[in-house]
Amino acid sequence: MSALNVVAGGCYLLGVAVVVLSAALALPLRQAEDRLHLLAPMTSLGAPLVAVGLALRNGWSLTTLQIVLTGLLILITGPVMASAAARIAAMQKGAIPRETPQ
C-alpha cells in the first residue's frame, strides 16, 4: 500500500467520521438553530475531507476535477445555506421581522 493511498484513506475516514459524528449529535437537538451549528463541521470539514480522499485515491482525471469542484462548492456554499436557513427559522419564530432586507 502506497503512502498516497494511506493519506487518501485517512482523509476519507476522517471526513466520514466528522459527518457521522455531527449527524449523531444533531439527533437529540430539537431547535433548528441548534442543529445548524452542527452543519458547519459537515460542510467546512467533513465533505471537503471526503472529496480530498476520493480525489487522491482516484488519481488525476476529469472525474477528479468533478470531485474537487463539488467539494469546493460545498465548502463555499455551506455557510451561506446555514445562514439562510437560520434566518428563515428566526423569521418563522417572529424573532426578526420579515421586512428587514438583511
C-alpha atoms as a PDB file:
ATOM      1  CA  MET A   1       0.000   0.000   0.000  1.00  0.00           C
ATOM      2  CA  SER A   2       1.498   3.333  -1.024  1.00  0.00           C
ATOM      3  CA  ALA A   3       1.705   6.419   1.157  1.00  0.00           C
ATOM      4  CA  LEU A   4      -0.758   8.194  -1.142  1.00  0.00           C
ATOM      5  CA  ASN A   5      -3.369   5.506  -0.523  1.00  0.00           C
ATOM      6  CA  VAL A   6      -2.817   5.780   3.238  1.00  0.00           C
ATOM      7  CA  VAL A   7      -3.266   9.563   3.151  1.00  0.00           C
ATOM      8  CA  ALA A   8      -6.335   9.237   0.913  1.00  0.00           C
ATOM      9  CA  GLY A   9      -7.889   6.636   3.198  1.00  0.00           C
ATOM     10  CA  GLY A  10      -7.135   8.759   6.248  1.00  0.00           C
ATOM     11  CA  CYS A  11      -8.774  11.832   4.705  1.00  0.00           C
ATOM     12  CA  TYR A  12     -11.762   9.806   3.631  1.00  0.00           C
ATOM     13  CA  LEU A  13     -12.247   8.126   7.016  1.00  0.00           C
ATOM     14  CA  LEU A  14     -11.744  11.352   8.963  1.00  0.00           C
ATOM     15  CA  GLY A  15     -14.264  13.160   6.757  1.00  0.00           C
ATOM     16  CA  VAL A  16     -16.833  10.403   7.149  1.00  0.00           C
ATOM     17  CA  ALA A  17     -16.232  10.376  10.924  1.00  0.00           C
ATOM     18  CA  VAL A  18     -16.886  14.140  11.118  1.00  0.00           C
ATOM     19  CA  VAL A  19     -20.116  13.821   9.141  1.00  0.00           C
ATOM     20  CA  VAL A  20     -21.382  10.824  11.143  1.00  0.00           C
ATOM     21  CA  LEU A  21     -20.478  12.407  14.488  1.00  0.00           C
ATOM     22  CA  SER A  22     -22.155  15.700  13.567  1.00  0.00           C
ATOM     23  CA  ALA A  23     -25.289  13.882  12.423  1.00  0.00           C
ATOM     24  CA  ALA A  24     -25.388  11.754  15.573  1.00  0.00           C
ATOM     25  CA  LEU A  25     -25.010  14.804  17.802  1.00  0.00           C
ATOM     26  CA  ALA A  26     -27.808  16.598  15.934  1.00  0.00           C
ATOM     27  CA  LEU A  27     -30.353  13.835  16.585  1.00  0.00           C
ATOM     28  CA  PRO A  28     -31.334  14.812  20.154  1.00  0.00           C
ATOM     29  CA  LEU A  29     -31.492  18.534  19.359  1.00  0.00           C
ATOM     30  CA  ARG A  30     -34.954  19.930  18.688  1.00  0.00           C
ATOM     31  CA  GLN A  31     -34.341  23.544  17.670  1.00  0.00           C
ATOM     32  CA  ALA A  32     -33.347  24.299  14.085  1.00  0.00           C
ATOM     33  CA  GLU A  33     -30.769  26.851  15.252  1.00  0.00           C
ATOM     34  CA  ASP A  34     -29.056  24.225  17.410  1.00  0.00           C
ATOM     35  CA  ARG A  35     -28.931  21.742  14.557  1.00  0.00           C
ATOM     36  CA  LEU A  36     -27.496  24.364  12.214  1.00  0.00           C
ATOM     37  CA  HIS A  37     -24.456  24.713  14.472  1.00  0.00           C
ATOM     38  CA  LEU A  38     -23.632  21.094  13.715  1.00  0.00           C
ATOM     39  CA  LEU A  39     -23.978  21.680   9.989  1.00  0.00           C
ATOM     40  CA  ALA A  40     -20.811  23.783   9.942  1.00  0.00           C
ATOM     41  CA  PRO A  41     -18.351  20.924  10.628  1.00  0.00           C
ATOM     42  CA  MET A  42     -20.046  18.801   7.977  1.00  0.00           C
ATOM     43  CA  THR A  43     -19.785  21.400   5.230  1.00  0.00           C
ATOM     44  CA  SER A  44     -16.479  23.010   6.165  1.00  0.00           C
ATOM     45  CA  LEU A  45     -14.512  19.931   7.210  1.00  0.00           C
ATOM     46  CA  GLY A  46     -16.308  16.636   6.571  1.00  0.00           C
ATOM     47  CA  ALA A  47     -17.316  16.924   2.924  1.00  0.00           C
ATOM     48  CA  PRO A  48     -14.042  18.554   1.760  1.00  0.00           C
ATOM     49  CA  LEU A  49     -12.014  15.837   3.517  1.00  0.00           C
ATOM     50  CA  VAL A  50     -14.061  13.148   1.788  1.00  0.00           C
ATOM     51  CA  ALA A  51     -13.536  14.954  -1.526  1.00  0.00           C
ATOM     52  CA  VAL A  52      -9.769  15.153  -0.979  1.00  0.00           C
ATOM     53  CA  GLY A  53      -9.616  11.467  -0.068  1.00  0.00           C
ATOM     54  CA  LEU A  54     -11.621  10.461  -3.114  1.00  0.00           C
ATOM     55  CA  ALA A  55      -9.570  12.723  -5.396  1.00  0.00           C
ATOM     56  CA  LEU A  56      -6.276  11.319  -4.118  1.00  0.00           C
ATOM     57  CA  ARG A  57      -7.446   7.753  -4.470  1.00  0.00           C
ATOM     58  CA  ASN A  58      -8.891   8.357  -7.951  1.00  0.00           C
ATOM     59  CA  GLY A  59      -5.790   9.945  -9.472  1.00  0.00           C
ATOM     60  CA  TRP A  60      -5.814  12.797 -11.978  1.00  0.00           C
ATOM     61  CA  SER A  61      -8.743  12.642 -14.374  1.00  0.00           C
ATOM     62  CA  LEU A  62     -11.889  14.503 -15.325  1.00  0.00           C
ATOM     63  CA  THR A  63     -13.729  12.686 -12.538  1.00  0.00           C
ATOM     64  CA  THR A  64     -11.205  14.048 -10.045  1.00  0.00           C
ATOM     65  CA  LEU A  65     -11.922  17.559 -11.265  1.00  0.00           C
ATOM     66  CA  GLN A  66     -15.633  16.977 -10.673  1.00  0.00           C
ATOM     67  CA  ILE A  67     -14.937  15.676  -7.163  1.00  0.00           C
ATOM     68  CA  VAL A  68     -12.745  18.670  -6.310  1.00  0.00           C
ATOM     69  CA  LEU A  69     -15.231  21.180  -7.726  1.00  0.00           C
ATOM     70  CA  THR A  70     -18.085  19.569  -5.807  1.00  0.00           C
ATOM     71  CA  GLY A  71     -16.057  19.672  -2.579  1.00  0.00           C
ATOM     72  CA  LEU A  72     -15.234  23.338  -3.139  1.00  0.00           C
ATOM     73  CA  LEU A  73     -18.860  24.149  -3.912  1.00  0.00           C
ATOM     74  CA  ILE A  74     -19.978  22.552  -0.649  1.00  0.00           C
ATOM     75  CA  LEU A  75     -17.200  24.334   1.248  1.00  0.00           C
ATOM     76  CA  ILE A  76     -18.191  27.725  -0.150  1.00  0.00           C
ATOM     77  CA  THR A  77     -21.987  27.435  -0.093  1.00  0.00           C
ATOM     78  CA  GLY A  78     -22.401  25.536   3.179  1.00  0.00           C
ATOM     79  CA  PRO A  79     -22.095  28.550   5.492  1.00  0.00           C
ATOM     80  CA  VAL A  80     -24.324  30.631   3.220  1.00  0.00           C
ATOM     81  CA  MET A  81     -27.050  27.989   3.272  1.00  0.00           C
ATOM     82  CA  ALA A  82     -26.799  27.637   7.059  1.00  0.00           C
ATOM     83  CA  SER A  83     -27.163  31.392   7.458  1.00  0.00           C
ATOM     84  CA  ALA A  84     -30.180  31.487   5.143  1.00  0.00           C
ATOM     85  CA  ALA A  85     -31.827  28.590   6.957  1.00  0.00           C
ATOM     86  CA  ALA A  86     -31.227  30.251  10.343  1.00  0.00           C
ATOM     87  CA  ARG A  87     -32.736  33.489   9.041  1.00  0.00           C
ATOM     88  CA  ILE A  88     -35.856  31.700   7.795  1.00  0.00           C
ATOM     89  CA  ALA A  89     -36.226  29.875  11.127  1.00  0.00           C
ATOM     90  CA  ALA A  90     -35.894  33.184  13.014  1.00  0.00           C
ATOM     91  CA  MET A  91     -38.493  34.805  10.755  1.00  0.00           C
ATOM     92  CA  GLN A  92     -40.934  31.960  11.335  1.00  0.00           C
ATOM     93  CA  LYS A  93     -40.499  32.303  15.103  1.00  0.00           C
ATOM     94  CA  GLY A  94     -41.019  36.046  14.887  1.00  0.00           C
ATOM     95  CA  ALA A  95     -37.576  36.831  16.290  1.00  0.00           C
ATOM     96  CA  ILE A  96     -36.838  39.134  13.358  1.00  0.00           C
ATOM     97  CA  PRO A  97     -39.307  40.999  11.153  1.00  0.00           C
ATOM     98  CA  ARG A  98     -39.896  39.742   7.634  1.00  0.00           C
ATOM     99  CA  GLU A  99     -39.415  43.186   6.118  1.00  0.00           C
ATOM    100  CA  THR A 100     -35.729  43.535   7.007  1.00  0.00           C
ATOM    101  CA  PRO A 101     -33.506  43.184   3.941  1.00  0.00           C
ATOM    102  CA  GLN A 102     -30.566  41.521   5.687  1.00  0.00           C
END
